[in-house]
């Protein structure tokens, strides 16, 4: 029996990358219209901000209040915005998207509203990609 058989078998069970997780969730075709009005306003306000800065994975995780591995897990489960490609080998998170997600999570925790955060994130990412379709 190899010396590290228990370790290698434990590691072998986790070889699937976090981005390959498929939990069967499919967001609505037009997630923005499915959101309550207050969440639509959060999306519009943050997408229309003039600040278009991006941060690296460490700063994004710190701003969101969790570790880097948790950030990647949240992205894989579609509960956090995915990074954008800044350069060929460099990714970053848009600050306005992080702020919008944090505001939405705060609202969810302090209200009786029942909104799937994945629908909110899908609407936010779609609106960010199609910024010209939203108006102030």
N, C-alpha and C. Protein backbone atom coordinates (compact mmCIF):
# COMPACT_ATOMS: atom_id res chain seq x y z
N UNK A 1 0.84 -1.18 0.00
CA UNK A 1 0.00 0.00 0.00
C UNK A 1 0.89 1.24 0.00
N UNK A 2 0.65 2.21 -0.89
CA UNK A 2 1.48 3.41 -0.93
C UNK A 2 1.37 4.20 0.36
N UNK A 3 2.42 4.92 0.63
CA UNK A 3 2.53 5.67 1.88
C UNK A 3 1.44 6.73 2.03
N UNK A 4 1.06 7.39 0.95
CA UNK A 4 0.08 8.49 1.01
C UNK A 4 -1.26 8.09 0.39
N UNK A 5 -1.64 6.83 0.50
CA UNK A 5 -2.86 6.39 -0.17
C UNK A 5 -4.10 7.10 0.37
N UNK A 6 -4.19 7.31 1.67
CA UNK A 6 -5.37 7.97 2.23
C UNK A 6 -5.42 9.42 1.75
N UNK A 7 -4.29 10.10 1.76
CA UNK A 7 -4.24 11.49 1.31
C UNK A 7 -4.56 11.59 -0.17
N UNK A 8 -3.97 10.71 -0.99
CA UNK A 8 -4.22 10.80 -2.42
C UNK A 8 -5.67 10.46 -2.75
N UNK A 9 -6.28 9.52 -2.02
CA UNK A 9 -7.68 9.21 -2.31
C UNK A 9 -8.58 10.36 -1.88
N UNK A 10 -8.22 11.03 -0.80
CA UNK A 10 -9.01 12.19 -0.37
C UNK A 10 -8.87 13.33 -1.37
N UNK A 11 -7.68 13.53 -1.87
CA UNK A 11 -7.47 14.58 -2.87
C UNK A 11 -8.11 14.22 -4.19
N UNK A 12 -8.14 12.94 -4.53
CA UNK A 12 -8.74 12.51 -5.78
C UNK A 12 -10.22 12.82 -5.86
N UNK A 13 -10.87 12.85 -4.71
CA UNK A 13 -12.30 13.15 -4.69
C UNK A 13 -12.58 14.62 -4.96
N UNK A 14 -11.55 15.46 -4.84
CA UNK A 14 -11.75 16.89 -5.03
C UNK A 14 -11.06 17.42 -6.27
N UNK A 15 -10.85 16.60 -7.26
CA UNK A 15 -10.13 17.04 -8.44
C UNK A 15 -10.98 17.87 -9.37
N UNK A 16 -12.29 17.89 -9.19
CA UNK A 16 -13.16 18.70 -10.03
C UNK A 16 -12.96 20.16 -9.68
N UNK A 17 -12.60 21.01 -10.65
CA UNK A 17 -12.40 22.42 -10.33
C UNK A 17 -13.70 23.06 -9.88
N UNK A 18 -13.58 24.08 -9.02
CA UNK A 18 -14.76 24.75 -8.46
C UNK A 18 -15.63 25.35 -9.55
N UNK A 19 -15.04 25.77 -10.66
CA UNK A 19 -15.82 26.38 -11.72
C UNK A 19 -16.65 25.37 -12.50
N UNK A 20 -16.38 24.07 -12.31
CA UNK A 20 -17.11 23.05 -13.05
C UNK A 20 -18.34 22.55 -12.30
N UNK A 21 -18.61 23.13 -11.13
CA UNK A 21 -19.77 22.70 -10.35
C UNK A 21 -21.05 23.07 -11.08
N UNK A 22 -21.91 22.10 -11.25
CA UNK A 22 -23.20 22.35 -11.88
C UNK A 22 -24.28 21.81 -10.96
N UNK A 23 -24.97 22.73 -10.29
CA UNK A 23 -26.01 22.30 -9.36
C UNK A 23 -27.38 22.30 -10.01
N UNK A 24 -27.44 22.42 -11.32
CA UNK A 24 -28.71 22.36 -12.03
C UNK A 24 -29.48 23.66 -12.05
N UNK A 25 -28.95 24.70 -11.44
CA UNK A 25 -29.66 25.98 -11.39
C UNK A 25 -29.52 26.71 -12.72
N UNK A 26 -30.64 27.13 -13.26
CA UNK A 26 -30.66 27.93 -14.49
C UNK A 26 -31.40 29.23 -14.18
N UNK A 27 -30.73 30.40 -14.23
CA UNK A 27 -31.42 31.65 -13.93
C UNK A 27 -32.47 31.96 -14.99
N UNK A 28 -33.47 32.79 -14.65
CA UNK A 28 -34.49 33.15 -15.63
C UNK A 28 -33.87 33.81 -16.86
N UNK A 29 -34.60 33.77 -17.98
CA UNK A 29 -34.09 34.35 -19.21
C UNK A 29 -33.85 35.86 -19.08
N UNK A 30 -34.71 36.55 -18.36
CA UNK A 30 -34.55 37.98 -18.17
C UNK A 30 -34.58 38.25 -16.66
N UNK A 31 -33.47 37.98 -15.95
CA UNK A 31 -33.49 38.05 -14.49
C UNK A 31 -33.79 39.44 -13.94
N UNK A 32 -33.45 40.49 -14.67
CA UNK A 32 -33.67 41.84 -14.18
C UNK A 32 -35.16 42.09 -13.92
N UNK A 33 -36.02 41.68 -14.85
CA UNK A 33 -37.46 41.90 -14.71
C UNK A 33 -38.09 41.01 -13.63
N UNK A 34 -37.40 39.96 -13.22
CA UNK A 34 -37.91 39.06 -12.18
C UNK A 34 -37.66 39.60 -10.78
N UNK A 35 -36.78 40.60 -10.66
CA UNK A 35 -36.42 41.13 -9.35
C UNK A 35 -37.45 42.12 -8.83
N UNK A 36 -37.62 42.21 -7.50
CA UNK A 36 -38.44 43.27 -6.94
C UNK A 36 -37.84 44.64 -7.29
N UNK A 37 -38.65 45.64 -7.30
CA UNK A 37 -38.23 46.98 -7.71
C UNK A 37 -37.02 47.50 -6.95
N UNK A 38 -36.96 47.26 -5.65
CA UNK A 38 -35.84 47.77 -4.86
C UNK A 38 -34.51 47.15 -5.32
N UNK A 39 -34.54 45.90 -5.74
CA UNK A 39 -33.32 45.25 -6.25
C UNK A 39 -32.98 45.74 -7.65
N UNK A 40 -33.98 46.04 -8.46
CA UNK A 40 -33.73 46.63 -9.77
C UNK A 40 -33.05 47.98 -9.61
N UNK A 41 -33.47 48.75 -8.60
CA UNK A 41 -32.86 50.06 -8.35
C UNK A 41 -31.41 49.92 -7.92
N UNK A 42 -31.09 48.90 -7.12
CA UNK A 42 -29.70 48.66 -6.73
C UNK A 42 -28.86 48.38 -7.96
N UNK A 43 -29.36 47.51 -8.83
CA UNK A 43 -28.63 47.19 -10.07
C UNK A 43 -28.41 48.45 -10.89
N UNK A 44 -29.45 49.21 -11.12
CA UNK A 44 -29.34 50.41 -11.95
C UNK A 44 -28.36 51.42 -11.35
N UNK A 45 -28.47 51.65 -10.05
CA UNK A 45 -27.61 52.65 -9.41
C UNK A 45 -26.13 52.27 -9.52
N UNK A 46 -25.82 51.00 -9.28
CA UNK A 46 -24.41 50.59 -9.30
C UNK A 46 -23.87 50.44 -10.72
N UNK A 47 -24.69 49.97 -11.64
CA UNK A 47 -24.22 49.82 -13.02
C UNK A 47 -23.96 51.18 -13.66
N UNK A 48 -24.75 52.17 -13.28
CA UNK A 48 -24.60 53.50 -13.88
C UNK A 48 -23.59 54.38 -13.16
N UNK A 49 -22.86 53.84 -12.20
CA UNK A 49 -21.81 54.61 -11.54
C UNK A 49 -20.71 54.94 -12.53
N UNK A 50 -20.06 56.06 -12.31
CA UNK A 50 -18.96 56.45 -13.21
C UNK A 50 -17.67 55.73 -12.86
N UNK A 51 -17.55 55.26 -11.65
CA UNK A 51 -16.36 54.53 -11.22
C UNK A 51 -16.36 53.15 -11.85
N UNK A 52 -15.41 52.85 -12.69
CA UNK A 52 -15.32 51.55 -13.36
C UNK A 52 -14.02 50.83 -12.97
N UNK A 53 -13.60 50.96 -11.73
CA UNK A 53 -12.35 50.35 -11.30
C UNK A 53 -12.53 48.86 -11.03
N UNK A 54 -11.41 48.16 -11.07
CA UNK A 54 -11.40 46.72 -10.83
C UNK A 54 -10.32 46.42 -9.79
N UNK A 55 -10.53 45.32 -9.05
CA UNK A 55 -9.57 44.91 -8.04
C UNK A 55 -9.21 43.45 -8.26
N UNK A 56 -8.05 43.05 -7.72
CA UNK A 56 -7.61 41.66 -7.87
C UNK A 56 -8.36 40.76 -6.89
N UNK A 57 -8.08 39.48 -6.94
CA UNK A 57 -8.84 38.49 -6.17
C UNK A 57 -8.70 38.73 -4.66
N UNK A 58 -7.51 39.08 -4.19
CA UNK A 58 -7.33 39.30 -2.76
C UNK A 58 -8.14 40.49 -2.26
N UNK A 59 -8.12 41.59 -3.01
CA UNK A 59 -8.86 42.78 -2.60
C UNK A 59 -10.36 42.57 -2.74
N UNK A 60 -10.78 41.82 -3.75
CA UNK A 60 -12.21 41.52 -3.92
C UNK A 60 -12.71 40.68 -2.75
N UNK A 61 -11.94 39.67 -2.38
CA UNK A 61 -12.33 38.82 -1.25
C UNK A 61 -12.36 39.62 0.05
N UNK A 62 -11.37 40.47 0.25
CA UNK A 62 -11.33 41.30 1.45
C UNK A 62 -12.52 42.25 1.50
N UNK A 63 -12.82 42.89 0.38
CA UNK A 63 -13.96 43.82 0.32
C UNK A 63 -15.27 43.10 0.58
N UNK A 64 -15.40 41.87 0.08
CA UNK A 64 -16.62 41.08 0.27
C UNK A 64 -16.70 40.48 1.67
N UNK A 65 -15.58 40.43 2.36
CA UNK A 65 -15.59 39.95 3.74
C UNK A 65 -15.35 38.47 3.91
N UNK A 66 -14.71 37.84 2.92
CA UNK A 66 -14.37 36.44 3.09
C UNK A 66 -13.06 36.12 2.40
N UNK A 67 -12.61 34.88 2.52
CA UNK A 67 -11.33 34.47 1.95
C UNK A 67 -11.39 34.23 0.46
N UNK A 68 -10.21 34.07 -0.12
CA UNK A 68 -10.09 33.88 -1.57
C UNK A 68 -10.79 32.60 -2.02
N UNK A 69 -10.62 31.51 -1.29
CA UNK A 69 -11.26 30.25 -1.70
C UNK A 69 -12.79 30.37 -1.62
N UNK A 70 -13.28 31.09 -0.62
CA UNK A 70 -14.72 31.30 -0.52
C UNK A 70 -15.22 32.15 -1.68
N UNK A 71 -14.45 33.14 -2.08
CA UNK A 71 -14.82 33.97 -3.22
C UNK A 71 -14.99 33.10 -4.47
N UNK A 72 -14.02 32.23 -4.74
CA UNK A 72 -14.10 31.37 -5.91
C UNK A 72 -15.29 30.41 -5.81
N UNK A 73 -15.58 29.91 -4.59
CA UNK A 73 -16.73 29.02 -4.42
C UNK A 73 -18.03 29.77 -4.69
N UNK A 74 -18.13 31.01 -4.20
CA UNK A 74 -19.32 31.81 -4.44
C UNK A 74 -19.50 32.08 -5.94
N UNK A 75 -18.41 32.34 -6.64
CA UNK A 75 -18.48 32.55 -8.09
C UNK A 75 -18.94 31.27 -8.78
N UNK A 76 -18.41 30.13 -8.36
CA UNK A 76 -18.78 28.85 -8.97
C UNK A 76 -20.26 28.54 -8.75
N UNK A 77 -20.80 28.94 -7.61
CA UNK A 77 -22.21 28.69 -7.31
C UNK A 77 -23.10 29.84 -7.80
N UNK A 78 -22.51 30.77 -8.52
CA UNK A 78 -23.23 31.90 -9.12
C UNK A 78 -23.88 32.82 -8.08
N UNK A 79 -23.28 32.86 -6.88
CA UNK A 79 -23.76 33.76 -5.83
C UNK A 79 -22.89 35.00 -5.72
N UNK A 80 -21.92 35.14 -6.62
CA UNK A 80 -21.05 36.30 -6.68
C UNK A 80 -20.66 36.51 -8.13
N UNK A 81 -20.45 37.75 -8.49
CA UNK A 81 -20.12 38.08 -9.89
C UNK A 81 -18.79 37.45 -10.29
N UNK A 82 -18.71 36.95 -11.50
CA UNK A 82 -17.45 36.39 -11.97
C UNK A 82 -16.46 37.50 -12.31
N UNK A 83 -15.18 37.17 -12.36
CA UNK A 83 -14.20 38.20 -12.72
C UNK A 83 -14.28 38.55 -14.20
N UNK A 84 -13.75 39.70 -14.53
CA UNK A 84 -13.63 40.10 -15.93
C UNK A 84 -12.17 39.95 -16.32
N UNK A 85 -11.93 39.72 -17.59
CA UNK A 85 -10.56 39.56 -18.07
C UNK A 85 -9.98 40.94 -18.34
N UNK A 86 -8.98 41.33 -17.55
CA UNK A 86 -8.34 42.63 -17.70
C UNK A 86 -7.23 42.57 -18.75
N UNK A 87 -6.44 41.53 -18.68
CA UNK A 87 -5.40 41.26 -19.66
C UNK A 87 -5.48 39.78 -20.00
N UNK A 88 -4.60 39.33 -20.85
CA UNK A 88 -4.65 37.94 -21.26
C UNK A 88 -4.57 36.98 -20.07
N UNK A 89 -3.74 37.29 -19.09
CA UNK A 89 -3.56 36.40 -17.96
C UNK A 89 -3.89 37.09 -16.63
N UNK A 90 -4.75 38.09 -16.70
CA UNK A 90 -5.08 38.85 -15.48
C UNK A 90 -6.59 39.06 -15.39
N UNK A 91 -7.16 38.68 -14.26
CA UNK A 91 -8.59 38.86 -14.04
C UNK A 91 -8.81 39.77 -12.85
N UNK A 92 -9.97 40.41 -12.82
CA UNK A 92 -10.30 41.29 -11.71
C UNK A 92 -11.80 41.41 -11.57
N UNK A 93 -12.22 41.91 -10.42
CA UNK A 93 -13.63 42.11 -10.14
C UNK A 93 -13.95 43.58 -10.20
N UNK A 94 -15.08 43.90 -10.80
CA UNK A 94 -15.53 45.28 -10.89
C UNK A 94 -16.04 45.72 -9.51
N UNK A 95 -15.52 46.84 -9.04
CA UNK A 95 -15.87 47.33 -7.70
C UNK A 95 -17.37 47.61 -7.59
N UNK A 96 -17.96 48.16 -8.65
CA UNK A 96 -19.39 48.47 -8.57
C UNK A 96 -20.24 47.20 -8.43
N UNK A 97 -19.79 46.09 -9.00
CA UNK A 97 -20.52 44.83 -8.86
C UNK A 97 -20.40 44.29 -7.44
N UNK A 98 -19.22 44.38 -6.86
CA UNK A 98 -19.02 43.94 -5.48
C UNK A 98 -19.92 44.75 -4.55
N UNK A 99 -19.91 46.07 -4.72
CA UNK A 99 -20.73 46.95 -3.88
C UNK A 99 -22.22 46.64 -4.01
N UNK A 100 -22.67 46.37 -5.23
CA UNK A 100 -24.08 46.05 -5.46
C UNK A 100 -24.47 44.75 -4.78
N UNK A 101 -23.62 43.74 -4.87
CA UNK A 101 -23.90 42.45 -4.24
C UNK A 101 -23.95 42.61 -2.72
N UNK A 102 -23.01 43.36 -2.17
CA UNK A 102 -23.01 43.58 -0.72
C UNK A 102 -24.26 44.33 -0.27
N UNK A 103 -24.69 45.32 -1.04
CA UNK A 103 -25.91 46.06 -0.69
C UNK A 103 -27.13 45.14 -0.77
N UNK A 104 -27.19 44.29 -1.79
CA UNK A 104 -28.32 43.37 -1.93
C UNK A 104 -28.35 42.36 -0.78
N UNK A 105 -27.19 41.84 -0.39
CA UNK A 105 -27.13 40.89 0.72
C UNK A 105 -27.54 41.55 2.02
N UNK A 106 -27.14 42.80 2.22
CA UNK A 106 -27.53 43.53 3.41
C UNK A 106 -29.05 43.70 3.44
N UNK A 107 -29.63 44.08 2.32
CA UNK A 107 -31.07 44.26 2.23
C UNK A 107 -31.82 42.94 2.49
N UNK A 108 -31.31 41.86 1.94
CA UNK A 108 -31.93 40.55 2.17
C UNK A 108 -31.88 40.16 3.64
N UNK A 109 -30.78 40.47 4.31
CA UNK A 109 -30.65 40.06 5.71
C UNK A 109 -31.49 40.91 6.65
N UNK A 110 -31.91 42.10 6.22
CA UNK A 110 -32.65 43.01 7.09
C UNK A 110 -34.08 43.24 6.65
N UNK A 111 -34.57 42.41 5.77
CA UNK A 111 -35.95 42.57 5.30
C UNK A 111 -36.61 41.20 5.20
N UNK A 112 -37.88 41.21 4.90
CA UNK A 112 -38.63 39.96 4.71
C UNK A 112 -38.65 39.53 3.26
N UNK A 113 -37.92 40.21 2.41
CA UNK A 113 -37.92 39.88 0.99
C UNK A 113 -37.25 38.54 0.74
N UNK A 114 -37.81 37.79 -0.16
CA UNK A 114 -37.27 36.49 -0.54
C UNK A 114 -36.81 36.56 -1.99
N UNK A 115 -35.52 36.78 -2.18
CA UNK A 115 -34.94 36.88 -3.51
C UNK A 115 -33.74 35.94 -3.57
N UNK A 116 -33.66 35.16 -4.62
CA UNK A 116 -32.51 34.29 -4.82
C UNK A 116 -31.34 35.17 -5.25
N UNK A 117 -30.28 35.16 -4.46
CA UNK A 117 -29.13 36.03 -4.75
C UNK A 117 -28.53 35.69 -6.11
N UNK A 118 -28.70 34.46 -6.58
CA UNK A 118 -28.17 34.08 -7.89
C UNK A 118 -28.90 34.81 -9.01
N UNK A 119 -30.19 35.05 -8.82
CA UNK A 119 -30.96 35.80 -9.81
C UNK A 119 -30.47 37.25 -9.82
N UNK A 120 -30.23 37.81 -8.62
CA UNK A 120 -29.72 39.17 -8.53
C UNK A 120 -28.36 39.28 -9.22
N UNK A 121 -27.46 38.36 -8.94
CA UNK A 121 -26.12 38.39 -9.54
C UNK A 121 -26.21 38.25 -11.05
N UNK A 122 -27.07 37.36 -11.54
CA UNK A 122 -27.25 37.20 -13.00
C UNK A 122 -27.75 38.50 -13.62
N UNK A 123 -28.69 39.16 -12.96
CA UNK A 123 -29.21 40.44 -13.48
C UNK A 123 -28.13 41.51 -13.46
N UNK A 124 -27.34 41.54 -12.40
CA UNK A 124 -26.26 42.53 -12.28
C UNK A 124 -25.21 42.33 -13.36
N UNK A 125 -24.80 41.10 -13.58
CA UNK A 125 -23.78 40.81 -14.59
C UNK A 125 -24.31 41.14 -15.98
N UNK A 126 -25.56 40.78 -16.25
CA UNK A 126 -26.17 41.09 -17.54
C UNK A 126 -26.27 42.60 -17.75
N UNK A 127 -26.67 43.32 -16.72
CA UNK A 127 -26.79 44.78 -16.83
C UNK A 127 -25.43 45.44 -17.00
N UNK A 128 -24.41 44.91 -16.34
CA UNK A 128 -23.06 45.46 -16.49
C UNK A 128 -22.55 45.25 -17.91
N UNK A 129 -22.86 44.09 -18.47
CA UNK A 129 -22.42 43.80 -19.83
C UNK A 129 -23.16 44.65 -20.85
N UNK A 130 -24.41 45.00 -20.54
CA UNK A 130 -25.24 45.79 -21.45
C UNK A 130 -25.55 47.14 -20.80
N UNK A 131 -24.54 47.82 -20.37
CA UNK A 131 -24.70 49.06 -19.60
C UNK A 131 -25.55 50.09 -20.32
N UNK A 132 -25.50 50.15 -21.61
CA UNK A 132 -26.24 51.19 -22.35
C UNK A 132 -27.74 50.95 -22.33
N UNK A 133 -28.21 49.76 -21.93
CA UNK A 133 -29.65 49.51 -21.93
C UNK A 133 -30.34 50.06 -20.69
N UNK A 134 -29.58 50.41 -19.66
CA UNK A 134 -30.17 50.96 -18.44
C UNK A 134 -29.98 52.47 -18.43
N UNK A 135 -30.97 53.16 -17.95
CA UNK A 135 -30.87 54.62 -17.85
C UNK A 135 -31.05 55.02 -16.41
N UNK A 136 -30.56 56.22 -16.11
CA UNK A 136 -30.69 56.72 -14.72
C UNK A 136 -32.12 57.00 -14.38
